[in-house]
């Protein structure tokens, strides 16, 4: 069991060495894109909620 675990961890280390990690600049840029998209989607869903709430109030009186 211990030998299998050691072998697995060695293979993990080799595979992680093959990974192309993003630079700090790329990570920050990607994070900003995610934040902007979240804000846009939040505004859209909030607007839909307001419109549908007003529509339901008119229908149900």
N, C-alpha and C. Protein backbone atom coordinates (compact mmCIF):
# COMPACT_ATOMS: atom_id res chain seq x y z
N UNK A 1 0.83 -1.20 0.00
CA UNK A 1 0.00 0.00 0.00
C UNK A 1 0.87 1.26 0.00
N UNK A 2 1.90 1.27 0.84
CA UNK A 2 2.78 2.42 0.93
C UNK A 2 3.56 2.61 -0.37
N UNK A 3 3.96 1.52 -0.99
CA UNK A 3 4.71 1.60 -2.24
C UNK A 3 3.83 2.18 -3.36
N UNK A 4 2.55 1.76 -3.38
CA UNK A 4 1.61 2.28 -4.39
C UNK A 4 1.39 3.77 -4.20
N UNK A 5 1.25 4.19 -2.96
CA UNK A 5 1.05 5.60 -2.66
C UNK A 5 2.27 6.42 -3.08
N UNK A 6 3.45 5.92 -2.76
CA UNK A 6 4.68 6.62 -3.13
C UNK A 6 4.80 6.72 -4.64
N UNK A 7 4.51 5.64 -5.34
CA UNK A 7 4.56 5.63 -6.80
C UNK A 7 3.58 6.64 -7.38
N UNK A 8 2.36 6.65 -6.83
CA UNK A 8 1.34 7.58 -7.30
C UNK A 8 1.80 9.03 -7.13
N UNK A 9 2.33 9.36 -5.97
CA UNK A 9 2.78 10.73 -5.71
C UNK A 9 3.94 11.13 -6.61
N UNK A 10 4.82 10.18 -6.92
CA UNK A 10 5.91 10.47 -7.85
C UNK A 10 5.37 10.76 -9.24
N UNK A 11 4.37 9.99 -9.67
CA UNK A 11 3.75 10.23 -10.98
C UNK A 11 3.03 11.58 -11.02
N UNK A 12 2.39 11.93 -9.92
CA UNK A 12 1.72 13.23 -9.83
C UNK A 12 2.73 14.36 -9.98
N UNK A 13 3.87 14.23 -9.32
CA UNK A 13 4.92 15.24 -9.40
C UNK A 13 5.41 15.40 -10.84
N UNK A 14 5.60 14.28 -11.55
CA UNK A 14 6.04 14.33 -12.95
C UNK A 14 5.00 15.03 -13.81
N UNK A 15 3.73 14.68 -13.63
CA UNK A 15 2.66 15.28 -14.44
C UNK A 15 2.52 16.77 -14.15
N UNK A 16 2.65 17.17 -12.90
CA UNK A 16 2.55 18.60 -12.56
C UNK A 16 3.70 19.39 -13.18
N UNK A 17 4.82 18.74 -13.40
CA UNK A 17 5.94 19.40 -14.07
C UNK A 17 5.65 19.69 -15.53
N UNK A 18 4.71 18.97 -16.12
CA UNK A 18 4.35 19.15 -17.53
C UNK A 18 3.31 20.27 -17.72
N UNK A 19 2.71 20.71 -16.64
CA UNK A 19 1.65 21.71 -16.72
C UNK A 19 2.23 23.07 -17.08
N UNK A 20 1.53 23.77 -17.97
CA UNK A 20 1.90 25.14 -18.30
C UNK A 20 1.07 26.06 -17.42
N UNK A 21 1.71 26.64 -16.41
CA UNK A 21 0.99 27.47 -15.45
C UNK A 21 0.86 28.89 -16.00
N UNK A 22 -0.30 29.53 -15.79
CA UNK A 22 -0.47 30.91 -16.27
C UNK A 22 0.39 31.88 -15.46
N UNK A 23 0.72 33.00 -16.10
CA UNK A 23 1.46 34.03 -15.39
C UNK A 23 0.51 34.77 -14.46
N UNK A 24 1.09 35.57 -13.57
CA UNK A 24 0.24 36.36 -12.67
C UNK A 24 -0.63 37.32 -13.47
N UNK A 25 -0.05 37.91 -14.51
CA UNK A 25 -0.80 38.86 -15.35
C UNK A 25 -1.99 38.17 -16.02
N UNK A 26 -1.79 36.97 -16.53
CA UNK A 26 -2.87 36.22 -17.17
C UNK A 26 -3.96 35.86 -16.15
N UNK A 27 -3.54 35.48 -14.95
CA UNK A 27 -4.50 35.11 -13.91
C UNK A 27 -5.35 36.30 -13.50
N UNK A 28 -4.71 37.46 -13.32
CA UNK A 28 -5.45 38.67 -12.93
C UNK A 28 -6.41 39.08 -14.04
N UNK A 29 -5.96 39.03 -15.29
CA UNK A 29 -6.82 39.40 -16.41
C UNK A 29 -8.03 38.47 -16.50
N UNK A 30 -7.80 37.19 -16.34
CA UNK A 30 -8.90 36.22 -16.38
C UNK A 30 -9.87 36.44 -15.23
N UNK A 31 -9.35 36.74 -14.06
CA UNK A 31 -10.22 37.00 -12.91
C UNK A 31 -11.10 38.21 -13.16
N UNK A 32 -10.55 39.27 -13.77
CA UNK A 32 -11.35 40.45 -14.07
C UNK A 32 -12.45 40.14 -15.08
N UNK A 33 -12.14 39.31 -16.06
CA UNK A 33 -13.17 38.91 -17.03
C UNK A 33 -14.30 38.18 -16.32
N UNK A 34 -13.96 37.30 -15.41
CA UNK A 34 -14.98 36.56 -14.66
C UNK A 34 -15.83 37.52 -13.83
N UNK A 35 -15.21 38.47 -13.15
CA UNK A 35 -15.95 39.44 -12.33
C UNK A 35 -16.90 40.26 -13.20
N UNK A 36 -16.43 40.73 -14.34
CA UNK A 36 -17.28 41.54 -15.23
C UNK A 36 -18.46 40.73 -15.74
N UNK A 37 -18.22 39.49 -16.13
CA UNK A 37 -19.32 38.64 -16.61
C UNK A 37 -20.33 38.39 -15.51
N UNK A 38 -19.85 38.16 -14.28
CA UNK A 38 -20.76 37.94 -13.16
C UNK A 38 -21.62 39.17 -12.92
N UNK A 39 -21.03 40.36 -12.99
CA UNK A 39 -21.79 41.60 -12.79
C UNK A 39 -22.85 41.76 -13.88
N UNK A 40 -22.47 41.52 -15.13
CA UNK A 40 -23.42 41.65 -16.24
C UNK A 40 -24.59 40.68 -16.09
N UNK A 41 -24.29 39.42 -15.78
CA UNK A 41 -25.34 38.42 -15.60
C UNK A 41 -26.22 38.77 -14.40
N UNK A 42 -25.62 39.27 -13.33
CA UNK A 42 -26.39 39.65 -12.14
C UNK A 42 -27.36 40.79 -12.47
N UNK A 43 -26.88 41.79 -13.21
CA UNK A 43 -27.76 42.90 -13.59
C UNK A 43 -28.91 42.41 -14.47
N UNK A 44 -28.59 41.52 -15.42
CA UNK A 44 -29.63 40.98 -16.31
C UNK A 44 -30.67 40.21 -15.51
N UNK A 45 -30.23 39.32 -14.63
CA UNK A 45 -31.18 38.53 -13.84
C UNK A 45 -31.98 39.40 -12.88
N UNK A 46 -31.34 40.43 -12.33
CA UNK A 46 -32.06 41.37 -11.46
C UNK A 46 -33.15 42.11 -12.22
N UNK A 47 -32.83 42.54 -13.44
CA UNK A 47 -33.82 43.23 -14.27
C UNK A 47 -34.96 42.29 -14.63
N UNK A 48 -34.65 41.05 -14.97
CA UNK A 48 -35.70 40.07 -15.27
C UNK A 48 -36.59 39.86 -14.05
N UNK A 49 -36.01 39.79 -12.88
CA UNK A 49 -36.77 39.59 -11.65
C UNK A 49 -37.73 40.75 -11.40
N UNK A 50 -37.23 41.97 -11.60
CA UNK A 50 -38.08 43.15 -11.39
C UNK A 50 -39.25 43.16 -12.38
N UNK A 51 -38.95 42.90 -13.64
CA UNK A 51 -40.00 42.90 -14.68
C UNK A 51 -41.03 41.82 -14.39
N UNK A 52 -40.58 40.62 -14.10
CA UNK A 52 -41.52 39.53 -13.83
C UNK A 52 -42.32 39.77 -12.55
N UNK A 53 -41.70 40.36 -11.54
CA UNK A 53 -42.43 40.66 -10.30
C UNK A 53 -43.55 41.67 -10.57
N UNK A 54 -43.25 42.72 -11.35
CA UNK A 54 -44.28 43.71 -11.70
C UNK A 54 -45.39 43.07 -12.52
N UNK A 55 -45.01 42.21 -13.44
CA UNK A 55 -46.00 41.52 -14.28
C UNK A 55 -46.91 40.64 -13.42
N UNK A 56 -46.34 39.91 -12.48
CA UNK A 56 -47.14 39.06 -11.61
C UNK A 56 -48.06 39.89 -10.72
N UNK A 57 -47.59 41.05 -10.24
CA UNK A 57 -48.45 41.91 -9.42
C UNK A 57 -49.64 42.40 -10.23
N UNK A 58 -49.44 42.74 -11.48
CA UNK A 58 -50.55 43.18 -12.33
C UNK A 58 -51.52 42.05 -12.62
N UNK A 59 -50.98 40.87 -12.89
CA UNK A 59 -51.85 39.73 -13.19
C UNK A 59 -52.66 39.32 -11.97
N UNK A 60 -52.01 39.23 -10.82
CA UNK A 60 -52.70 38.76 -9.61
C UNK A 60 -53.40 39.88 -8.86
N UNK A 61 -53.12 41.12 -9.25
CA UNK A 61 -53.81 42.27 -8.72
C UNK A 61 -53.60 42.53 -7.28
